[in-house]
Amino acid sequence: MFINEDLIESIEATPDTVLTLVDGRKIVVADAPQLVVDRARSYRASVLAATEELRTRRSGEVVLFPVADADAGGTSDAKPEPKAGPRAAGRHPAGGER
């Protein structure tokens, strides 16, 4: 089972490790609380490192992920495409979202 670390509200050792999620659900896990925290930190660090790597490439290309075609049963090849449209010109959506 994988748990989205952003949904963990608290971790208790009672003596089992109990994760309380933001929606109030509780999940008992076999790992010690510190191990859960360490794994969450490692995962978050890997995401931040990958984000920084993408940011520093500066190639100006958008790489599309392969998407399975439900009818053909295959996947398409990811191909870089130049940025197009209003977002390429530096415009951002209304409301300050990014």
PDB file of N, CA and C in Angstrom:
ATOM      1  N   MET A   1       0.849  -1.165   0.000  1.00  0.00           N
ATOM      2  CA  MET A   1       0.000   0.000   0.000  1.00  0.00           C
ATOM      3  C   MET A   1       0.900   1.235   0.000  1.00  0.00           C
ATOM      4  N   PHE A   2       0.514   2.215  -0.761  1.00  0.00           N
ATOM      5  CA  PHE A   2       1.221   3.491  -0.787  1.00  0.00           C
ATOM      6  C   PHE A   2       0.292   4.563  -0.240  1.00  0.00           C
ATOM      7  N   ILE A   3       0.819   5.424   0.577  1.00  0.00           N
ATOM      8  CA  ILE A   3       0.031   6.501   1.169  1.00  0.00           C
ATOM      9  C   ILE A   3       0.653   7.823   0.750  1.00  0.00           C
ATOM     10  N   ASN A   4      -0.183   8.730   0.284  1.00  0.00           N
ATOM     11  CA  ASN A   4       0.276  10.059  -0.091  1.00  0.00           C
ATOM     12  C   ASN A   4       0.713  10.782   1.187  1.00  0.00           C
ATOM     13  N   GLU A   5       1.982  11.116   1.272  1.00  0.00           N
ATOM     14  CA  GLU A   5       2.514  11.735   2.479  1.00  0.00           C
ATOM     15  C   GLU A   5       1.856  13.070   2.791  1.00  0.00           C
ATOM     16  N   ASP A   6       1.323  13.747   1.785  1.00  0.00           N
ATOM     17  CA  ASP A   6       0.666  15.025   2.014  1.00  0.00           C
ATOM     18  C   ASP A   6      -0.659  14.861   2.759  1.00  0.00           C
ATOM     19  N   LEU A   7      -1.189  13.652   2.793  1.00  0.00           N
ATOM     20  CA  LEU A   7      -2.456  13.404   3.467  1.00  0.00           C
ATOM     21  C   LEU A   7      -2.280  12.960   4.923  1.00  0.00           C
ATOM     22  N   ILE A   8      -1.035  12.788   5.374  1.00  0.00           N
ATOM     23  CA  ILE A   8      -0.792  12.385   6.757  1.00  0.00           C
ATOM     24  C   ILE A   8      -0.858  13.621   7.651  1.00  0.00           C
ATOM     25  N   GLU A   9      -1.776  13.579   8.601  1.00  0.00           N
ATOM     26  CA  GLU A   9      -1.908  14.680   9.551  1.00  0.00           C
ATOM     27  C   GLU A   9      -1.035  14.460  10.780  1.00  0.00           C
ATOM     28  N   SER A  10      -1.027  13.213  11.278  1.00  0.00           N
ATOM     29  CA  SER A  10      -0.206  12.925  12.445  1.00  0.00           C
ATOM     30  C   SER A  10       0.219  11.464  12.457  1.00  0.00           C
ATOM     31  N   ILE A  11       1.274  11.198  13.223  1.00  0.00           N
ATOM     32  CA  ILE A  11       1.802   9.844  13.394  1.00  0.00           C
ATOM     33  C   ILE A  11       1.915   9.595  14.892  1.00  0.00           C
ATOM     34  N   GLU A  12       1.327   8.491  15.340  1.00  0.00           N
ATOM     35  CA  GLU A  12       1.359   8.152  16.760  1.00  0.00           C
ATOM     36  C   GLU A  12       1.995   6.775  16.950  1.00  0.00           C
ATOM     37  N   ALA A  13       2.679   6.598  18.074  1.00  0.00           N
ATOM     38  CA  ALA A  13       3.195   5.285  18.460  1.00  0.00           C
ATOM     39  C   ALA A  13       2.425   4.865  19.703  1.00  0.00           C
ATOM     40  N   THR A  14       1.497   3.899  19.575  1.00  0.00           N
ATOM     41  CA  THR A  14       0.572   3.592  20.679  1.00  0.00           C
ATOM     42  C   THR A  14       0.396   2.118  20.998  1.00  0.00           C
ATOM     43  N   PRO A  15       1.211   1.175  21.115  1.00  0.00           N
ATOM     44  CA  PRO A  15       2.592   1.036  20.655  1.00  0.00           C
ATOM     45  C   PRO A  15       2.679   0.792  19.157  1.00  0.00           C
ATOM     46  N   ASP A  16       1.539   0.479  18.507  1.00  0.00           N
ATOM     47  CA  ASP A  16       1.570   0.377  17.045  1.00  0.00           C
ATOM     48  C   ASP A  16       1.708   1.772  16.460  1.00  0.00           C
ATOM     49  N   THR A  17       2.187   1.844  15.233  1.00  0.00           N
ATOM     50  CA  THR A  17       2.276   3.134  14.556  1.00  0.00           C
ATOM     51  C   THR A  17       0.943   3.393  13.868  1.00  0.00           C
ATOM     52  N   VAL A  18       0.301   4.499  14.244  1.00  0.00           N
ATOM     53  CA  VAL A  18      -1.008   4.848  13.698  1.00  0.00           C
ATOM     54  C   VAL A  18      -0.867   6.159  12.938  1.00  0.00           C
ATOM     55  N   LEU A  19      -1.210   6.122  11.650  1.00  0.00           N
ATOM     56  CA  LEU A  19      -1.217   7.332  10.829  1.00  0.00           C
ATOM     57  C   LEU A  19      -2.638   7.869  10.817  1.00  0.00           C
ATOM     58  N   THR A  20      -2.805   9.136  11.153  1.00  0.00           N
ATOM     59  CA  THR A  20      -4.100   9.784  11.048  1.00  0.00           C
ATOM     60  C   THR A  20      -4.049  10.671   9.812  1.00  0.00           C
ATOM     61  N   LEU A  21      -4.981  10.455   8.901  1.00  0.00           N
ATOM     62  CA  LEU A  21      -5.015  11.224   7.669  1.00  0.00           C
ATOM     63  C   LEU A  21      -5.863  12.475   7.849  1.00  0.00           C
ATOM     64  N   VAL A  22      -5.734  13.408   6.938  1.00  0.00           N
ATOM     65  CA  VAL A  22      -6.438  14.685   7.053  1.00  0.00           C
ATOM     66  C   VAL A  22      -7.954  14.521   7.040  1.00  0.00           C
ATOM     67  N   ASP A  23      -8.453  13.429   6.495  1.00  0.00           N
ATOM     68  CA  ASP A  23      -9.906  13.208   6.480  1.00  0.00           C
ATOM     69  C   ASP A  23     -10.383  12.425   7.707  1.00  0.00           C
ATOM     70  N   GLY A  24      -9.479  12.174   8.675  1.00  0.00           N
ATOM     71  CA  GLY A  24      -9.853  11.513   9.909  1.00  0.00           C
ATOM     72  C   GLY A  24      -9.636  10.011   9.920  1.00  0.00           C
ATOM     73  N   ARG A  25      -9.393   9.419   8.760  1.00  0.00           N
ATOM     74  CA  ARG A  25      -9.136   7.971   8.735  1.00  0.00           C
ATOM     75  C   ARG A  25      -7.840   7.663   9.443  1.00  0.00           C
ATOM     76  N   LYS A  26      -7.804   6.475  10.062  1.00  0.00           N
ATOM     77  CA  LYS A  26      -6.600   6.028  10.758  1.00  0.00           C
ATOM     78  C   LYS A  26      -6.119   4.742  10.104  1.00  0.00           C
ATOM     79  N   ILE A  27      -4.794   4.646   9.936  1.00  0.00           N
ATOM     80  CA  ILE A  27      -4.184   3.468   9.328  1.00  0.00           C
ATOM     81  C   ILE A  27      -3.066   2.996  10.248  1.00  0.00           C
ATOM     82  N   VAL A  28      -3.081   1.717  10.575  1.00  0.00           N
ATOM     83  CA  VAL A  28      -2.021   1.125  11.397  1.00  0.00           C
ATOM     84  C   VAL A  28      -0.982   0.532  10.451  1.00  0.00           C
ATOM     85  N   VAL A  29       0.286   0.892  10.669  1.00  0.00           N
ATOM     86  CA  VAL A  29       1.369   0.387   9.827  1.00  0.00           C
ATOM     87  C   VAL A  29       2.383  -0.356  10.686  1.00  0.00           C
ATOM     88  N   ALA A  30       3.150  -1.228  10.058  1.00  0.00           N
ATOM     89  CA  ALA A  30       4.131  -2.042  10.779  1.00  0.00           C
ATOM     90  C   ALA A  30       5.422  -1.279  11.067  1.00  0.00           C
ATOM     91  N   ASP A  31       5.698  -0.223  10.320  1.00  0.00           N
ATOM     92  CA  ASP A  31       6.955   0.507  10.467  1.00  0.00           C
ATOM     93  C   ASP A  31       6.927   1.438  11.680  1.00  0.00           C
ATOM     94  N   ALA A  32       8.105   1.695  12.229  1.00  0.00           N
ATOM     95  CA  ALA A  32       8.245   2.640  13.339  1.00  0.00           C
ATOM     96  C   ALA A  32       7.955   4.055  12.833  1.00  0.00           C
ATOM     97  N   PRO A  33       7.447   4.937  13.710  1.00  0.00           N
ATOM     98  CA  PRO A  33       7.138   6.315  13.281  1.00  0.00           C
ATOM     99  C   PRO A  33       8.316   7.025  12.622  1.00  0.00           C
ATOM    100  N   GLN A  34       9.529   6.878  13.167  1.00  0.00           N
ATOM    101  CA  GLN A  34      10.688   7.562  12.586  1.00  0.00           C
ATOM    102  C   GLN A  34      10.993   7.063  11.184  1.00  0.00           C
ATOM    103  N   LEU A  35      10.754   5.786  10.921  1.00  0.00           N
ATOM    104  CA  LEU A  35      10.971   5.240   9.590  1.00  0.00           C
ATOM    105  C   LEU A  35       9.972   5.834   8.593  1.00  0.00           C
ATOM    106  N   VAL A  36       8.728   6.020   9.024  1.00  0.00           N
ATOM    107  CA  VAL A  36       7.719   6.643   8.160  1.00  0.00           C
ATOM    108  C   VAL A  36       8.150   8.072   7.819  1.00  0.00           C
ATOM    109  N   VAL A  37       8.603   8.804   8.827  1.00  0.00           N
ATOM    110  CA  VAL A  37       9.060  10.186   8.610  1.00  0.00           C
ATOM    111  C   VAL A  37      10.270  10.216   7.690  1.00  0.00           C
ATOM    112  N   ASP A  38      11.226   9.327   7.918  1.00  0.00           N
ATOM    113  CA  ASP A  38      12.434   9.288   7.081  1.00  0.00           C
ATOM    114  C   ASP A  38      12.100   8.984   5.632  1.00  0.00           C
ATOM    115  N   ARG A  39      11.190   8.047   5.418  1.00  0.00           N
ATOM    116  CA  ARG A  39      10.795   7.717   4.039  1.00  0.00           C
ATOM    117  C   ARG A  39      10.074   8.879   3.376  1.00  0.00           C
ATOM    118  N   ALA A  40       9.225   9.579   4.127  1.00  0.00           N
ATOM    119  CA  ALA A  40       8.515  10.736   3.573  1.00  0.00           C
ATOM    120  C   ALA A  40       9.514  11.830   3.189  1.00  0.00           C
ATOM    121  N   ARG A  41      10.517  12.061   4.040  1.00  0.00           N
ATOM    122  CA  ARG A  41      11.545  13.073   3.737  1.00  0.00           C
ATOM    123  C   ARG A  41      12.350  12.697   2.501  1.00  0.00           C
ATOM    124  N   SER A  42      12.726  11.427   2.404  1.00  0.00           N
ATOM    125  CA  SER A  42      13.497  10.975   1.240  1.00  0.00           C
ATOM    126  C   SER A  42      12.697  11.143  -0.043  1.00  0.00           C
ATOM    127  N   TYR A  43      11.413  10.790   0.017  1.00  0.00           N
ATOM    128  CA  TYR A  43      10.571  10.926  -1.169  1.00  0.00           C
ATOM    129  C   TYR A  43      10.440  12.394  -1.559  1.00  0.00           C
ATOM    130  N   ARG A  44      10.171  13.256  -0.586  1.00  0.00           N
ATOM    131  CA  ARG A  44      10.008  14.688  -0.875  1.00  0.00           C
ATOM    132  C   ARG A  44      11.300  15.264  -1.444  1.00  0.00           C
ATOM    133  N   ALA A  45      12.448  14.858  -0.900  1.00  0.00           N
ATOM    134  CA  ALA A  45      13.738  15.334  -1.402  1.00  0.00           C
ATOM    135  C   ALA A  45      13.953  14.895  -2.845  1.00  0.00           C
ATOM    136  N   SER A  46      13.545  13.664  -3.179  1.00  0.00           N
ATOM    137  CA  SER A  46      13.725  13.187  -4.555  1.00  0.00           C
ATOM    138  C   SER A  46      12.832  13.958  -5.521  1.00  0.00           C
ATOM    139  N   VAL A  47      11.630  14.316  -5.080  1.00  0.00           N
ATOM    140  CA  VAL A  47      10.735  15.112  -5.932  1.00  0.00           C
ATOM    141  C   VAL A  47      11.323  16.497  -6.158  1.00  0.00           C
ATOM    142  N   LEU A  48      11.820  17.123  -5.101  1.00  0.00           N
ATOM    143  CA  LEU A  48      12.420  18.453  -5.236  1.00  0.00           C
ATOM    144  C   LEU A  48      13.667  18.427  -6.118  1.00  0.00           C
ATOM    145  N   ALA A  49      14.484  17.380  -5.985  1.00  0.00           N
ATOM    146  CA  ALA A  49      15.686  17.264  -6.816  1.00  0.00           C
ATOM    147  C   ALA A  49      15.307  17.097  -8.284  1.00  0.00           C
ATOM    148  N   ALA A  50      14.290  16.283  -8.558  1.00  0.00           N
ATOM    149  CA  ALA A  50      13.848  16.088  -9.944  1.00  0.00           C
ATOM    150  C   ALA A  50      13.270  17.378 -10.510  1.00  0.00           C
ATOM    151  N   THR A  51      12.546  18.131  -9.690  1.00  0.00           N
ATOM    152  CA  THR A  51      11.981  19.405 -10.133  1.00  0.00           C
ATOM    153  C   THR A  51      13.087  20.388 -10.487  1.00  0.00           C
ATOM    154  N   GLU A  52      14.104  20.455  -9.645  1.00  0.00           N
ATOM    155  CA  GLU A  52      15.221  21.362  -9.915  1.00  0.00           C
ATOM    156  C   GLU A  52      15.970  20.952 -11.184  1.00  0.00           C
ATOM    157  N   GLU A  53      16.105  19.660 -11.400  1.00  0.00           N
ATOM    158  CA  GLU A  53      16.765  19.182 -12.618  1.00  0.00           C
ATOM    159  C   GLU A  53      15.983  19.618 -13.854  1.00  0.00           C
ATOM    160  N   LEU A  54      14.665  19.487 -13.804  1.00  0.00           N
ATOM    161  CA  LEU A  54      13.845  19.909 -14.941  1.00  0.00           C
ATOM    162  C   LEU A  54      13.928  21.416 -15.142  1.00  0.00           C
ATOM    163  N   ARG A  55      13.978  22.160 -14.048  1.00  0.00           N
ATOM    164  CA  ARG A  55      14.024  23.610 -14.127  1.00  0.00           C
ATOM    165  C   ARG A  55      15.326  24.103 -14.745  1.00  0.00           C
ATOM    166  N   THR A  56      16.431  23.408 -14.478  1.00  0.00           N
ATOM    167  CA  THR A  56      17.728  23.887 -14.947  1.00  0.00           C
ATOM    168  C   THR A  56      18.061  23.432 -16.360  1.00  0.00           C
ATOM    169  N   ARG A  57      17.240  22.575 -16.939  1.00  0.00           N
ATOM    170  CA  ARG A  57      17.508  22.139 -18.321  1.00  0.00           C
ATOM    171  C   ARG A  57      17.398  23.289 -19.298  1.00  0.00           C
ATOM    172  N   ARG A  58      16.398  24.125 -19.145  1.00  0.00           N
ATOM    173  CA  ARG A  58      16.179  25.317 -19.989  1.00  0.00           C
ATOM    174  C   ARG A  58      16.133  25.002 -21.480  1.00  0.00           C
ATOM    175  N   SER A  59      15.603  23.870 -21.833  1.00  0.00           N
ATOM    176  CA  SER A  59      15.541  23.511 -23.247  1.00  0.00           C
ATOM    177  C   SER A  59      14.369  24.161 -23.952  1.00  0.00           C
ATOM    178  N   GLY A  60      13.375  24.625 -23.171  1.00  0.00           N
ATOM    179  CA  GLY A  60      12.211  25.243 -23.793  1.00  0.00           C
ATOM    180  C   GLY A  60      11.269  24.246 -24.419  1.00  0.00           C
ATOM    181  N   GLU A  61      11.474  22.974 -24.167  1.00  0.00           N
ATOM    182  CA  GLU A  61      10.618  21.946 -24.748  1.00  0.00           C
ATOM    183  C   GLU A  61       9.672  21.394 -23.699  1.00  0.00           C
ATOM    184  N   VAL A  62       8.494  21.011 -24.148  1.00  0.00           N
ATOM    185  CA  VAL A  62       7.542  20.333 -23.288  1.00  0.00           C
ATOM    186  C   VAL A  62       7.539  18.875 -23.707  1.00  0.00           C
ATOM    187  N   VAL A  63       7.793  17.978 -22.781  1.00  0.00           N
ATOM    188  CA  VAL A  63       7.803  16.555 -23.091  1.00  0.00           C
ATOM    189  C   VAL A  63       6.490  15.961 -22.629  1.00  0.00           C
ATOM    190  N   LEU A  64       5.749  15.387 -23.562  1.00  0.00           N
ATOM    191  CA  LEU A  64       4.474  14.771 -23.236  1.00  0.00           C
ATOM    192  C   LEU A  64       4.701  13.346 -22.774  1.00  0.00           C
ATOM    193  N   PHE A  65       3.988  12.953 -21.738  1.00  0.00           N
ATOM    194  CA  PHE A  65       4.090  11.584 -21.253  1.00  0.00           C
ATOM    195  C   PHE A  65       3.342  10.665 -22.207  1.00  0.00           C
ATOM    196  N   PRO A  66       3.827   9.416 -22.376  1.00  0.00           N
ATOM    197  CA  PRO A  66       3.103   8.475 -23.218  1.00  0.00           C
ATOM    198  C   PRO A  66       1.752   8.144 -22.581  1.00  0.00           C
ATOM    199  N   VAL A  67       0.727   8.125 -23.409  1.00  0.00           N
ATOM    200  CA  VAL A  67      -0.613   7.815 -22.928  1.00  0.00           C
ATOM    201  C   VAL A  67      -1.099   6.595 -23.687  1.00  0.00           C
ATOM    202  N   ALA A  68      -1.602   5.604 -22.951  1.00  0.00           N
ATOM    203  CA  ALA A  68      -2.091   4.381 -23.596  1.00  0.00           C
ATOM    204  C   ALA A  68      -3.354   4.705 -24.380  1.00  0.00           C
ATOM    205  N   ASP A  69      -3.398   4.248 -25.597  1.00  0.00           N
ATOM    206  CA  ASP A  69      -4.586   4.401 -26.434  1.00  0.00           C
ATOM    207  C   ASP A  69      -5.510   3.230 -26.128  1.00  0.00           C
ATOM    208  N   ALA A  70      -6.657   3.499 -25.544  1.00  0.00           N
ATOM    209  CA  ALA A  70      -7.563   2.434 -25.095  1.00  0.00           C
ATOM    210  C   ALA A  70      -8.018   1.554 -26.255  1.00  0.00           C
ATOM    211  N   ASP A  71      -8.213   2.132 -27.437  1.00  0.00           N
ATOM    212  CA  ASP A  71      -8.689   1.349 -28.581  1.00  0.00           C
ATOM    213  C   ASP A  71      -7.582   0.507 -29.202  1.00  0.00           C
ATOM    214  N   ALA A  72      -6.380   1.070 -29.307  1.00  0.00           N
ATOM    215  CA  ALA A  72      -5.285   0.358 -29.969  1.00  0.00           C
ATOM    216  C   ALA A  72      -4.539  -0.558 -29.007  1.00  0.00           C
ATOM    217  N   GLY A  73      -4.654  -0.301 -27.698  1.00  0.00           N
ATOM    218  CA  GLY A  73      -3.971  -1.133 -26.722  1.00  0.00           C
ATOM    219  C   GLY A  73      -2.489  -0.859 -26.615  1.00  0.00           C
ATOM    220  N   GLY A  74      -1.997   0.177 -27.268  1.00  0.00           N
ATOM    221  CA  GLY A  74      -0.564   0.485 -27.221  1.00  0.00           C
ATOM    222  C   GLY A  74      -0.326   1.817 -26.559  1.00  0.00           C
ATOM    223  N   THR A  75       0.927   2.239 -26.602  1.00  0.00           N
ATOM    224  CA  THR A  75       1.271   3.545 -26.062  1.00  0.00           C
ATOM    225  C   THR A  75       1.861   4.391 -27.177  1.00  0.00           C
ATOM    226  N   SER A  76       1.684   5.685 -27.046  1.00  0.00           N
ATOM    227  CA  SER A  76       2.287   6.582 -28.023  1.00  0.00           C
ATOM    228  C   SER A  76       3.675   6.962 -27.548  1.00  0.00           C
ATOM    229  N   ASP A  77       4.516   7.393 -28.468  1.00  0.00           N
ATOM    230  CA  ASP A  77       5.869   7.805 -28.113  1.00  0.00           C
ATOM    231  C   ASP A  77       5.837   9.239 -27.626  1.00  0.00           C
ATOM    232  N   ALA A  78       6.585   9.537 -26.568  1.00  0.00           N
ATOM    233  CA  ALA A  78       6.684  10.906 -26.075  1.00  0.00           C
ATOM    234  C   ALA A  78       7.564  11.692 -27.025  1.00  0.00           C
ATOM    235  N   LYS A  79       7.082  12.838 -27.449  1.00  0.00           N
ATOM    236  CA  LYS A  79       7.837  13.677 -28.369  1.00  0.00           C
ATOM    237  C   LYS A  79       7.877  15.098 -27.817  1.00  0.00           C
ATOM    238  N   PRO A  80       9.048  15.725 -27.829  1.00  0.00           N
ATOM    239  CA  PRO A  80       9.106  17.108 -27.389  1.00  0.00           C
ATOM    240  C   PRO A  80       8.352  17.998 -28.358  1.00  0.00           C
ATOM    241  N   GLU A  81       7.594  18.929 -27.814  1.00  0.00           N
ATOM    242  CA  GLU A  81       6.881  19.892 -28.644  1.00  0.00           C
ATOM    243  C   GLU A  81       7.219  21.287 -28.150  1.00  0.00           C
ATOM    244  N   PRO A  82       7.371  22.243 -29.062  1.00  0.00           N
ATOM    245  CA  PRO A  82       7.636  23.610 -28.619  1.00  0.00           C
ATOM    246  C   PRO A  82       6.420  24.159 -27.886  1.00  0.00           C
ATOM    247  N   LYS A  83       6.670  25.058 -26.938  1.00  0.00           N
ATOM    248  CA  LYS A  83       5.567  25.681 -26.216  1.00  0.00           C
ATOM    249  C   LYS A  83       4.763  26.530 -27.179  1.00  0.00           C
ATOM    250  N   ALA A  84       3.462  26.503 -26.992  1.00  0.00           N
ATOM    251  CA  ALA A  84       2.589  27.293 -27.847  1.00  0.00           C
ATOM    252  C   ALA A  84       1.455  27.846 -27.009  1.00  0.00           C
ATOM    253  N   GLY A  85       0.816  28.900 -27.492  1.00  0.00           N
ATOM    254  CA  GLY A  85      -0.339  29.439 -26.804  1.00  0.00           C
ATOM    255  C   GLY A  85       0.039  30.535 -25.827  1.00  0.00           C
ATOM    256  N   PRO A  86      -0.962  31.040 -25.102  1.00  0.00           N
ATOM    257  CA  PRO A  86      -0.738  32.196 -24.229  1.00  0.00           C
ATOM    258  C   PRO A  86       0.200  31.908 -23.065  1.00  0.00           C
ATOM    259  N   ARG A  87       0.278  30.670 -22.574  1.00  0.00           N
ATOM    260  CA  ARG A  87       1.143  30.376 -21.433  1.00  0.00           C
ATOM    261  C   ARG A  87       2.607  30.475 -21.826  1.00  0.00           C
ATOM    262  N   ALA A  88       2.927  30.207 -23.098  1.00  0.00           N
ATOM    263  CA  ALA A  88       4.318  30.285 -23.546  1.00  0.00           C
ATOM    264  C   ALA A  88       4.811  31.725 -23.504  1.00  0.00           C
ATOM    265  N   ALA A  89       3.882  32.678 -23.636  1.00  0.00           N
ATOM    266  CA  ALA A  89       4.255  34.078 -23.640  1.00  0.00           C
ATOM    267  C   ALA A  89       4.416  34.638 -22.235  1.00  0.00           C
ATOM    268  N   GLY A  90       4.308  33.777 -21.226  1.00  0.00           N
ATOM    269  CA  GLY A  90       4.511  34.223 -19.862  1.00  0.00           C
ATOM    270  C   GLY A  90       3.235  34.615 -19.152  1.00  0.00           C
ATOM    271  N   ARG A  91       2.088  34.396 -19.764  1.00  0.00           N
ATOM    272  CA  ARG A  91       0.820  34.735 -19.106  1.00  0.00           C
ATOM    273  C   ARG A  91       0.449  33.627 -18.140  1.00  0.00           C
ATOM    274  N   HIS A  92      -0.193  33.998 -17.070  1.00  0.00           N
ATOM    275  CA  HIS A  92      -0.611  33.040 -16.053  1.00  0.00           C
ATOM    276  C   HIS A  92      -2.122  33.091 -15.915  1.00  0.00           C
ATOM    277  N   PRO A  93      -2.745  32.002 -15.432  1.00  0.00           N
ATOM    278  CA  PRO A  93      -4.201  31.999 -15.259  1.00  0.00           C
ATOM    279  C   PRO A  93      -4.637  33.080 -14.286  1.00  0.00           C
ATOM    280  N   ALA A  94      -5.889  33.502 -14.422  1.00  0.00           N
ATOM    281  CA  ALA A  94      -6.450  34.513 -13.533  1.00  0.00           C
ATOM    282  C   ALA A  94      -6.475  33.996 -12.109  1.00  0.00           C
ATOM    283  N   GLY A  95      -6.411  34.879 -11.149  1.00  0.00           N
ATOM    284  CA  GLY A  95      -6.478  34.480  -9.750  1.00  0.00           C
ATOM    285  C   GLY A  95      -5.128  34.187  -9.132  1.00  0.00           C
ATOM    286  N   GLY A  96      -4.052  34.421  -9.851  1.00  0.00           N
ATOM    287  CA  GLY A  96      -2.733  34.237  -9.299  1.00  0.00           C
ATOM    288  C   GLY A  96      -2.268  32.791  -9.211  1.00  0.00           C
ATOM    289  N   GLU A  97      -3.013  31.859  -9.795  1.00  0.00           N
ATOM    290  CA  GLU A  97      -2.592  30.457  -9.762  1.00  0.00           C
ATOM    291  C   GLU A  97      -1.417  30.245 -10.694  1.00  0.00           C
ATOM    292  N   ARG A  98      -0.568  29.301 -10.340  1.00  0.00           N
ATOM    293  CA  ARG A  98       0.565  28.949 -11.195  1.00  0.00           C
ATOM    294  C   ARG A  98       0.657  27.489 -11.325  1.00  0.00           C
TER     295      ARG A  98
END
